[in-house]
PDB file of N, CA and C in Angstrom:
ATOM      1  N   MET A   1      45.597 -23.721  96.183  1.00  0.00           N
ATOM      2  CA  MET A   1      46.957 -24.076  96.467  1.00  0.00           C
ATOM      3  C   MET A   1      47.616 -24.602  95.192  1.00  0.00           C
ATOM      4  N   LEU A   2      48.067 -25.839  95.222  1.00  0.00           N
ATOM      5  CA  LEU A   2      48.732 -26.373  94.041  1.00  0.00           C
ATOM      6  C   LEU A   2      47.760 -26.524  92.880  1.00  0.00           C
ATOM      7  N   LEU A   3      46.551 -26.990  93.175  1.00  0.00           N
ATOM      8  CA  LEU A   3      45.545 -27.159  92.130  1.00  0.00           C
ATOM      9  C   LEU A   3      45.147 -25.807  91.563  1.00  0.00           C
ATOM     10  N   GLU A   4      44.938 -24.825  92.424  1.00  0.00           N
ATOM     11  CA  GLU A   4      44.590 -23.485  91.976  1.00  0.00           C
ATOM     12  C   GLU A   4      45.689 -22.930  91.084  1.00  0.00           C
ATOM     13  N   HIS A   5      46.924 -23.197  91.456  1.00  0.00           N
ATOM     14  CA  HIS A   5      48.066 -22.719  90.679  1.00  0.00           C
ATOM     15  C   HIS A   5      48.011 -23.282  89.258  1.00  0.00           C
ATOM     16  N   LYS A   6      47.724 -24.555  89.146  1.00  0.00           N
ATOM     17  CA  LYS A   6      47.679 -25.182  87.821  1.00  0.00           C
ATOM     18  C   LYS A   6      46.515 -24.631  87.015  1.00  0.00           C
ATOM     19  N   ILE A   7      45.369 -24.533  87.629  1.00  0.00           N
ATOM     20  CA  ILE A   7      44.178 -24.081  86.917  1.00  0.00           C
ATOM     21  C   ILE A   7      44.303 -22.614  86.519  1.00  0.00           C
ATOM     22  N   SER A   8      44.870 -21.804  87.384  1.00  0.00           N
ATOM     23  CA  SER A   8      44.941 -20.376  87.098  1.00  0.00           C
ATOM     24  C   SER A   8      45.828 -20.057  85.906  1.00  0.00           C
ATOM     25  N   PHE A   9      46.732 -20.952  85.547  1.00  0.00           N
ATOM     26  CA  PHE A   9      47.616 -20.697  84.419  1.00  0.00           C
ATOM     27  C   PHE A   9      47.183 -21.429  83.143  1.00  0.00           C
ATOM     28  N   SER A  10      46.066 -22.119  83.178  1.00  0.00           N
ATOM     29  CA  SER A  10      45.609 -22.769  81.948  1.00  0.00           C
ATOM     30  C   SER A  10      45.078 -21.692  80.998  1.00  0.00           C
ATOM     31  N   LEU A  11      45.316 -21.879  79.720  1.00  0.00           N
ATOM     32  CA  LEU A  11      44.970 -20.857  78.736  1.00  0.00           C
ATOM     33  C   LEU A  11      43.490 -20.846  78.384  1.00  0.00           C
ATOM     34  N   LYS A  12      42.851 -21.984  78.394  1.00  0.00           N
ATOM     35  CA  LYS A  12      41.426 -22.006  78.094  1.00  0.00           C
ATOM     36  C   LYS A  12      40.699 -22.754  79.211  1.00  0.00           C
ATOM     37  N   PRO A  13      39.523 -22.290  79.569  1.00  0.00           N
ATOM     38  CA  PRO A  13      38.799 -22.944  80.670  1.00  0.00           C
ATOM     39  C   PRO A  13      38.342 -24.349  80.278  1.00  0.00           C
ATOM     40  N   LYS A  14      38.330 -25.226  81.266  1.00  0.00           N
ATOM     41  CA  LYS A  14      37.878 -26.595  81.035  1.00  0.00           C
ATOM     42  C   LYS A  14      36.546 -26.784  81.743  1.00  0.00           C
ATOM     43  N   LEU A  15      35.700 -27.551  81.128  1.00  0.00           N
ATOM     44  CA  LEU A  15      34.419 -27.847  81.738  1.00  0.00           C
ATOM     45  C   LEU A  15      34.398 -29.249  82.330  1.00  0.00           C
ATOM     46  N   PHE A  16      35.487 -29.964  82.206  1.00  0.00           N
ATOM     47  CA  PHE A  16      35.570 -31.312  82.752  1.00  0.00           C
ATOM     48  C   PHE A  16      36.984 -31.545  83.263  1.00  0.00           C
ATOM     49  N   ILE A  17      37.138 -32.583  84.064  1.00  0.00           N
ATOM     50  CA  ILE A  17      38.456 -32.960  84.570  1.00  0.00           C
ATOM     51  C   ILE A  17      38.945 -34.127  83.735  1.00  0.00           C
ATOM     52  N   ASP A  18      40.063 -33.942  83.086  1.00  0.00           N
ATOM     53  CA  ASP A  18      40.608 -35.028  82.278  1.00  0.00           C
ATOM     54  C   ASP A  18      41.521 -35.906  83.141  1.00  0.00           C
ATOM     55  N   GLU A  19      42.098 -36.917  82.542  1.00  0.00           N
ATOM     56  CA  GLU A  19      42.939 -37.878  83.265  1.00  0.00           C
ATOM     57  C   GLU A  19      44.162 -37.206  83.883  1.00  0.00           C
ATOM     58  N   ASP A  20      44.760 -36.257  83.170  1.00  0.00           N
ATOM     59  CA  ASP A  20      45.927 -35.537  83.707  1.00  0.00           C
ATOM     60  C   ASP A  20      45.566 -34.764  84.976  1.00  0.00           C
ATOM     61  N   ASP A  21      44.408 -34.107  84.926  1.00  0.00           N
ATOM     62  CA  ASP A  21      43.965 -33.357  86.108  1.00  0.00           C
ATOM     63  C   ASP A  21      43.726 -34.296  87.284  1.00  0.00           C
ATOM     64  N   LEU A  22      43.101 -35.414  87.010  1.00  0.00           N
ATOM     65  CA  LEU A  22      42.816 -36.383  88.062  1.00  0.00           C
ATOM     66  C   LEU A  22      44.106 -36.904  88.688  1.00  0.00           C
ATOM     67  N   GLN A  23      45.094 -37.226  87.868  1.00  0.00           N
ATOM     68  CA  GLN A  23      46.380 -37.688  88.395  1.00  0.00           C
ATOM     69  C   GLN A  23      47.067 -36.586  89.200  1.00  0.00           C
ATOM     70  N   TYR A  24      46.995 -35.372  88.704  1.00  0.00           N
ATOM     71  CA  TYR A  24      47.591 -34.241  89.421  1.00  0.00           C
ATOM     72  C   TYR A  24      46.947 -34.077  90.801  1.00  0.00           C
ATOM     73  N   ILE A  25      45.628 -34.160  90.825  1.00  0.00           N
ATOM     74  CA  ILE A  25      44.902 -34.033  92.093  1.00  0.00           C
ATOM     75  C   ILE A  25      45.292 -35.164  93.038  1.00  0.00           C
ATOM     76  N   GLN A  26      45.342 -36.384  92.537  1.00  0.00           N
ATOM     77  CA  GLN A  26      45.696 -37.520  93.385  1.00  0.00           C
ATOM     78  C   GLN A  26      47.118 -37.399  93.934  1.00  0.00           C
ATOM     79  N   ARG A  27      48.049 -36.952  93.112  1.00  0.00           N
ATOM     80  CA  ARG A  27      49.440 -36.801  93.562  1.00  0.00           C
ATOM     81  C   ARG A  27      49.566 -35.712  94.630  1.00  0.00           C
ATOM     82  N   ASN A  28      48.792 -34.667  94.491  1.00  0.00           N
ATOM     83  CA  ASN A  28      48.960 -33.508  95.366  1.00  0.00           C
ATOM     84  C   ASN A  28      47.909 -33.404  96.466  1.00  0.00           C
ATOM     85  N   TRP A  29      47.016 -34.369  96.545  1.00  0.00           N
ATOM     86  CA  TRP A  29      45.951 -34.323  97.542  1.00  0.00           C
ATOM     87  C   TRP A  29      46.513 -34.273  98.959  1.00  0.00           C
ATOM     88  N   ASP A  30      47.462 -35.150  99.248  1.00  0.00           N
ATOM     89  CA  ASP A  30      48.043 -35.180 100.590  1.00  0.00           C
ATOM     90  C   ASP A  30      48.765 -33.880 100.906  1.00  0.00           C
ATOM     91  N   VAL A  31      49.483 -33.347  99.927  1.00  0.00           N
ATOM     92  CA  VAL A  31      50.194 -32.081 100.139  1.00  0.00           C
ATOM     93  C   VAL A  31      49.203 -30.977 100.461  1.00  0.00           C
ATOM     94  N   CYS A  32      48.102 -30.920  99.698  1.00  0.00           N
ATOM     95  CA  CYS A  32      47.083 -29.897  99.941  1.00  0.00           C
ATOM     96  C   CYS A  32      46.462 -30.066 101.319  1.00  0.00           C
ATOM     97  N   ASN A  33      46.154 -31.304 101.695  1.00  0.00           N
ATOM     98  CA  ASN A  33      45.563 -31.547 103.009  1.00  0.00           C
ATOM     99  C   ASN A  33      46.517 -31.151 104.122  1.00  0.00           C
ATOM    100  N   VAL A  34      47.791 -31.503 103.977  1.00  0.00           N
ATOM    101  CA  VAL A  34      48.788 -31.145 104.990  1.00  0.00           C
ATOM    102  C   VAL A  34      48.900 -29.629 105.085  1.00  0.00           C
ATOM    103  N   GLU A  35      48.927 -28.950 103.936  1.00  0.00           N
ATOM    104  CA  GLU A  35      48.997 -27.490 103.950  1.00  0.00           C
ATOM    105  C   GLU A  35      47.779 -26.895 104.640  1.00  0.00           C
ATOM    106  N   ASN A  36      46.589 -27.437 104.361  1.00  0.00           N
ATOM    107  CA  ASN A  36      45.367 -26.938 104.997  1.00  0.00           C
ATOM    108  C   ASN A  36      45.415 -27.145 106.504  1.00  0.00           C
ATOM    109  N   VAL A  37      45.859 -28.318 106.931  1.00  0.00           N
ATOM    110  CA  VAL A  37      45.961 -28.605 108.361  1.00  0.00           C
ATOM    111  C   VAL A  37      46.962 -27.658 109.012  1.00  0.00           C
ATOM    112  N   ASP A  38      48.102 -27.442 108.346  1.00  0.00           N
ATOM    113  CA  ASP A  38      49.102 -26.520 108.888  1.00  0.00           C
ATOM    114  C   ASP A  38      48.539 -25.110 108.997  1.00  0.00           C
ATOM    115  N   ILE A  39      47.808 -24.688 107.993  1.00  0.00           N
ATOM    116  CA  ILE A  39      47.213 -23.348 108.025  1.00  0.00           C
ATOM    117  C   ILE A  39      46.207 -23.244 109.158  1.00  0.00           C
ATOM    118  N   ILE A  40      45.379 -24.263 109.321  1.00  0.00           N
ATOM    119  CA  ILE A  40      44.381 -24.251 110.394  1.00  0.00           C
ATOM    120  C   ILE A  40      45.066 -24.224 111.753  1.00  0.00           C
ATOM    121  N   ARG A  41      46.134 -25.000 111.926  1.00  0.00           N
ATOM    122  CA  ARG A  41      46.880 -24.985 113.191  1.00  0.00           C
ATOM    123  C   ARG A  41      47.459 -23.606 113.464  1.00  0.00           C
ATOM    124  N   GLU A  42      48.055 -23.000 112.440  1.00  0.00           N
ATOM    125  CA  GLU A  42      48.644 -21.668 112.608  1.00  0.00           C
ATOM    126  C   GLU A  42      47.572 -20.644 112.953  1.00  0.00           C
ATOM    127  N   LEU A  43      46.421 -20.743 112.303  1.00  0.00           N
ATOM    128  CA  LEU A  43      45.328 -19.820 112.616  1.00  0.00           C
ATOM    129  C   LEU A  43      44.840 -20.014 114.049  1.00  0.00           C
ATOM    130  N   ALA A  44      44.785 -21.255 114.510  1.00  0.00           N
ATOM    131  CA  ALA A  44      44.380 -21.522 115.893  1.00  0.00           C
ATOM    132  C   ALA A  44      45.397 -20.938 116.868  1.00  0.00           C
ATOM    133  N   LYS A  45      46.692 -21.076 116.557  1.00  0.00           N
ATOM    134  CA  LYS A  45      47.731 -20.483 117.410  1.00  0.00           C
ATOM    135  C   LYS A  45      47.587 -18.968 117.451  1.00  0.00           C
ATOM    136  N   ILE A  46      47.370 -18.375 116.289  1.00  0.00           N
ATOM    137  CA  ILE A  46      47.210 -16.918 116.224  1.00  0.00           C
ATOM    138  C   ILE A  46      45.992 -16.487 117.025  1.00  0.00           C
ATOM    139  N   GLU A  47      44.908 -17.245 116.922  1.00  0.00           N
ATOM    140  CA  GLU A  47      43.695 -16.914 117.668  1.00  0.00           C
ATOM    141  C   GLU A  47      43.948 -16.974 119.177  1.00  0.00           C
ATOM    142  N   ARG A  48      44.664 -18.018 119.632  1.00  0.00           N
ATOM    143  CA  ARG A  48      44.981 -18.120 121.067  1.00  0.00           C
ATOM    144  C   ARG A  48      45.842 -16.947 121.514  1.00  0.00           C
ATOM    145  N   LYS A  49      46.832 -16.592 120.695  1.00  0.00           N
ATOM    146  CA  LYS A  49      47.702 -15.466 121.044  1.00  0.00           C
ATOM    147  C   LYS A  49      46.905 -14.167 121.108  1.00  0.00           C
ATOM    148  N   LEU A  50      45.996 -13.978 120.161  1.00  0.00           N
ATOM    149  CA  LEU A  50      45.168 -12.770 120.172  1.00  0.00           C
ATOM    150  C   LEU A  50      44.255 -12.737 121.393  1.00  0.00           C
ATOM    151  N   ASP A  51      43.717 -13.898 121.778  1.00  0.00           N
ATOM    152  CA  ASP A  51      42.899 -13.964 122.996  1.00  0.00           C
ATOM    153  C   ASP A  51      43.721 -13.573 124.217  1.00  0.00           C
ATOM    154  N   ASN A  52      44.953 -14.088 124.307  1.00  0.00           N
ATOM    155  CA  ASN A  52      45.829 -13.736 125.430  1.00  0.00           C
ATOM    156  C   ASN A  52      46.157 -12.251 125.429  1.00  0.00           C
ATOM    157  N   ILE A  53      46.436 -11.710 124.258  1.00  0.00           N
ATOM    158  CA  ILE A  53      46.738 -10.278 124.161  1.00  0.00           C
ATOM    159  C   ILE A  53      45.527  -9.458 124.577  1.00  0.00           C
ATOM    160  N   GLU A  54      44.341  -9.884 124.165  1.00  0.00           N
ATOM    161  CA  GLU A  54      43.121  -9.172 124.545  1.00  0.00           C
ATOM    162  C   GLU A  54      42.938  -9.182 126.063  1.00  0.00           C
ATOM    163  N   LYS A  55      43.166 -10.339 126.692  1.00  0.00           N
ATOM    164  CA  LYS A  55      43.055 -10.425 128.150  1.00  0.00           C
ATOM    165  C   LYS A  55      44.052  -9.496 128.831  1.00  0.00           C
ATOM    166  N   LEU A  56      45.298  -9.510 128.353  1.00  0.00           N
ATOM    167  CA  LEU A  56      46.320  -8.643 128.945  1.00  0.00           C
ATOM    168  C   LEU A  56      45.976  -7.169 128.763  1.00  0.00           C
ATOM    169  N   LEU A  57      45.475  -6.816 127.591  1.00  0.00           N
ATOM    170  CA  LEU A  57      45.093  -5.422 127.354  1.00  0.00           C
ATOM    171  C   LEU A  57      43.919  -5.006 128.237  1.00  0.00           C
ATOM    172  N   ASN A  58      42.966  -5.911 128.439  1.00  0.00           N
ATOM    173  CA  ASN A  58      41.844  -5.603 129.333  1.00  0.00           C
ATOM    174  C   ASN A  58      42.320  -5.413 130.768  1.00  0.00           C
ATOM    175  N   GLU A  59      43.242  -6.275 131.218  1.00  0.00           N
ATOM    176  CA  GLU A  59      43.799  -6.121 132.565  1.00  0.00           C
ATOM    177  C   GLU A  59      44.544  -4.800 132.698  1.00  0.00           C
ATOM    178  N   LEU A  60      45.322  -4.464 131.688  1.00  0.00           N
ATOM    179  CA  LEU A  60      46.060  -3.203 131.702  1.00  0.00           C
ATOM    180  C   LEU A  60      45.103  -2.018 131.729  1.00  0.00           C
ATOM    181  N   LEU A  61      44.050  -2.090 130.950  1.00  0.00           N
ATOM    182  CA  LEU A  61      43.057  -1.021 130.932  1.00  0.00           C
ATOM    183  C   LEU A  61      42.396  -0.870 132.297  1.00  0.00           C
ATOM    184  N   GLU A  62      42.048  -1.985 132.931  1.00  0.00           N
ATOM    185  CA  GLU A  62      41.450  -1.925 134.266  1.00  0.00           C
ATOM    186  C   GLU A  62      42.403  -1.285 135.263  1.00  0.00           C
ATOM    187  N   ARG A  63      43.687  -1.658 135.194  1.00  0.00           N
ATOM    188  CA  ARG A  63      44.680  -1.053 136.096  1.00  0.00           C
ATOM    189  C   ARG A  63      44.812   0.438 135.843  1.00  0.00           C
ATOM    190  N   GLU A  64      44.852   0.814 134.570  1.00  0.00           N
ATOM    191  CA  GLU A  64      44.976   2.233 134.225  1.00  0.00           C
ATOM    192  C   GLU A  64      43.751   3.011 134.693  1.00  0.00           C
ATOM    193  N   GLU A  65      42.567   2.416 134.547  1.00  0.00           N
ATOM    194  CA  GLU A  65      41.352   3.082 135.019  1.00  0.00           C
ATOM    195  C   GLU A  65      41.386   3.240 136.533  1.00  0.00           C
ATOM    196  N   SER A  66      41.824   2.197 137.237  1.00  0.00           N
ATOM    197  CA  SER A  66      41.927   2.284 138.699  1.00  0.00           C
ATOM    198  C   SER A  66      42.932   3.349 139.097  1.00  0.00           C
ATOM    199  N   TYR A  67      44.065   3.380 138.411  1.00  0.00           N
ATOM    200  CA  TYR A  67      45.092   4.373 138.703  1.00  0.00           C
ATOM    201  C   TYR A  67      44.555   5.779 138.448  1.00  0.00           C
ATOM    202  N   ALA A  68      43.818   5.953 137.347  1.00  0.00           N
ATOM    203  CA  ALA A  68      43.262   7.271 137.028  1.00  0.00           C
ATOM    204  C   ALA A  68      42.276   7.713 138.102  1.00  0.00           C
ATOM    205  N   ILE A  69      41.460   6.797 138.599  1.00  0.00           N
ATOM    206  CA  ILE A  69      40.506   7.137 139.661  1.00  0.00           C
ATOM    207  C   ILE A  69      41.246   7.508 140.936  1.00  0.00           C
ATOM    208  N   MET A  70      42.278   6.733 141.290  1.00  0.00           N
ATOM    209  CA  MET A  70      43.060   7.056 142.494  1.00  0.00           C
ATOM    210  C   MET A  70      43.735   8.408 142.334  1.00  0.00           C
ATOM    211  N   LYS A  71      44.259   8.687 141.156  1.00  0.00           N
ATOM    212  CA  LYS A  71      44.941   9.956 140.903  1.00  0.00           C
ATOM    213  C   LYS A  71      43.947  11.110 141.023  1.00  0.00           C
ATOM    214  N   LEU A  72      42.752  10.937 140.474  1.00  0.00           N
ATOM    215  CA  LEU A  72      41.724  11.969 140.606  1.00  0.00           C
ATOM    216  C   LEU A  72      41.352  12.178 142.063  1.00  0.00           C
ATOM    217  N   SER A  73      41.213  11.087 142.808  1.00  0.00           N
ATOM    218  CA  SER A  73      40.874  11.188 144.227  1.00  0.00           C
ATOM    219  C   SER A  73      41.971  11.922 144.981  1.00  0.00           C
ATOM    220  N   GLU A  74      43.218  11.610 144.683  1.00  0.00           N
ATOM    221  CA  GLU A  74      44.350  12.264 145.341  1.00  0.00           C
ATOM    222  C   GLU A  74      44.358  13.760 145.032  1.00  0.00           C
ATOM    223  N   GLU A  75      44.149  14.116 143.773  1.00  0.00           N
ATOM    224  CA  GLU A  75      44.130  15.522 143.389  1.00  0.00           C
ATOM    225  C   GLU A  75      42.946  16.242 144.022  1.00  0.00           C
ATOM    226  N   SER A  76      41.787  15.588 144.039  1.00  0.00           N
ATOM    227  CA  SER A  76      40.607  16.193 144.665  1.00  0.00           C
ATOM    228  C   SER A  76      40.847  16.424 146.148  1.00  0.00           C
ATOM    229  N   LEU A  77      41.479  15.461 146.818  1.00  0.00           N
ATOM    230  CA  LEU A  77      41.777  15.603 148.237  1.00  0.00           C
ATOM    231  C   LEU A  77      42.732  16.770 148.467  1.00  0.00           C
ATOM    232  N   ARG A  78      43.748  16.896 147.637  1.00  0.00           N
ATOM    233  CA  ARG A  78      44.678  18.026 147.763  1.00  0.00           C
ATOM    234  C   ARG A  78      43.952  19.355 147.594  1.00  0.00           C
ATOM    235  N   GLU A  79      43.095  19.439 146.564  1.00  0.00           N
ATOM    236  CA  GLU A  79      42.340  20.677 146.347  1.00  0.00           C
ATOM    237  C   GLU A  79      41.428  20.971 147.532  1.00  0.00           C
ATOM    238  N   PHE A  80      40.780  19.942 148.040  1.00  0.00           N
ATOM    239  CA  PHE A  80      39.890  20.128 149.181  1.00  0.00           C
ATOM    240  C   PHE A  80      40.673  20.617 150.396  1.00  0.00           C
ATOM    241  N   LEU A  81      41.811  19.980 150.663  1.00  0.00           N
ATOM    242  CA  LEU A  81      42.623  20.391 151.812  1.00  0.00           C
ATOM    243  C   LEU A  81      43.173  21.800 151.626  1.00  0.00           C
ATOM    244  N   ALA A  82      43.471  22.178 150.407  1.00  0.00           N
ATOM    245  CA  ALA A  82      43.959  23.539 150.155  1.00  0.00           C
ATOM    246  C   ALA A  82      42.860  24.562 150.414  1.00  0.00           C
ATOM    247  N   ASP A  83      41.622  24.193 150.129  1.00  0.00           N
ATOM    248  CA  ASP A  83      40.490  25.102 150.349  1.00  0.00           C
ATOM    249  C   ASP A  83      40.020  25.112 151.800  1.00  0.00           C
ATOM    250  N   GLU A  84      40.397  24.134 152.576  1.00  0.00           N
ATOM    251  CA  GLU A  84      39.965  24.020 153.979  1.00  0.00           C
ATOM    252  C   GLU A  84      41.188  24.039 154.890  1.00  0.00           C
ATOM    253  N   PRO A  85      41.710  25.204 155.202  1.00  0.00           N
ATOM    254  CA  PRO A  85      42.946  25.282 155.989  1.00  0.00           C
ATOM    255  C   PRO A  85      42.809  24.764 157.427  1.00  0.00           C
ATOM    256  N   TYR A  86      41.610  24.716 157.957  1.00  0.00           N
ATOM    257  CA  TYR A  86      41.447  24.241 159.333  1.00  0.00           C
ATOM    258  C   TYR A  86      41.597  22.727 159.451  1.00  0.00           C
ATOM    259  N   ILE A  87      41.560  21.992 158.355  1.00  0.00           N
ATOM    260  CA  ILE A  87      41.779  20.541 158.392  1.00  0.00           C
ATOM    261  C   ILE A  87      43.264  20.303 158.163  1.00  0.00           C
ATOM    262  N   THR A  88      43.876  19.602 159.107  1.00  0.00           N
ATOM    263  CA  THR A  88      45.303  19.301 158.970  1.00  0.00           C
ATOM    264  C   THR A  88      45.480  17.810 158.704  1.00  0.00           C
ATOM    265  N   PRO A  89      46.583  17.424 158.136  1.00  0.00           N
ATOM    266  CA  PRO A  89      46.821  16.000 157.876  1.00  0.00           C
ATOM    267  C   PRO A  89      46.784  15.147 159.137  1.00  0.00           C
ATOM    268  N   LYS A  90      47.133  15.729 160.300  1.00  0.00           N
ATOM    269  CA  LYS A  90      47.093  14.943 161.536  1.00  0.00           C
ATOM    270  C   LYS A  90      45.673  14.526 161.859  1.00  0.00           C
ATOM    271  N   ARG A  91      44.711  15.402 161.621  1.00  0.00           N
ATOM    272  CA  ARG A  91      43.318  15.056 161.900  1.00  0.00           C
ATOM    273  C   ARG A  91      42.821  13.966 160.944  1.00  0.00           C
ATOM    274  N   ILE A  92      43.309  13.970 159.734  1.00  0.00           N
ATOM    275  CA  ILE A  92      42.875  12.961 158.761  1.00  0.00           C
ATOM    276  C   ILE A  92      43.411  11.589 159.138  1.00  0.00           C
ATOM    277  N   SER A  93      44.619  11.544 159.677  1.00  0.00           N
ATOM    278  CA  SER A  93      45.240  10.260 159.973  1.00  0.00           C
ATOM    279  C   SER A  93      44.660   9.583 161.199  1.00  0.00           C
ATOM    280  N   ARG A  94      43.903  10.282 162.018  1.00  0.00           N
ATOM    281  CA  ARG A  94      43.349   9.657 163.233  1.00  0.00           C
ATOM    282  C   ARG A  94      42.254   8.712 163.001  1.00  0.00           C
TER     283      ARG A  94
END
C-alpha cells in the first residue's frame, strides 16, 4: 500500500530501515490497517454475495431440470397417445 509505494520508487535497495522509514511507517500504520480492514470487509461482502448468487443459480438449475423432465414426460405422453389410438384422454382422466 503506502509503504510499498514508497519502497517501489526508491532508486537503490536498502538493507535496513532508517529513521525516515520508521517515521513513515508510524505515520501511515493506521491508514494501512484501516485500508486492510476495509479490503477484508469488502471481500467478505463479495463472498456473501457470491454465495447467494450460487444458491440462486442452483435453485434455478433445479427448477430448469424439473421443467425439462416434465416437458420430456409431456412429449413422451403425447407420442405414446399418438401411437395408441384406442386410448382416449377421457380414459386417462378417470
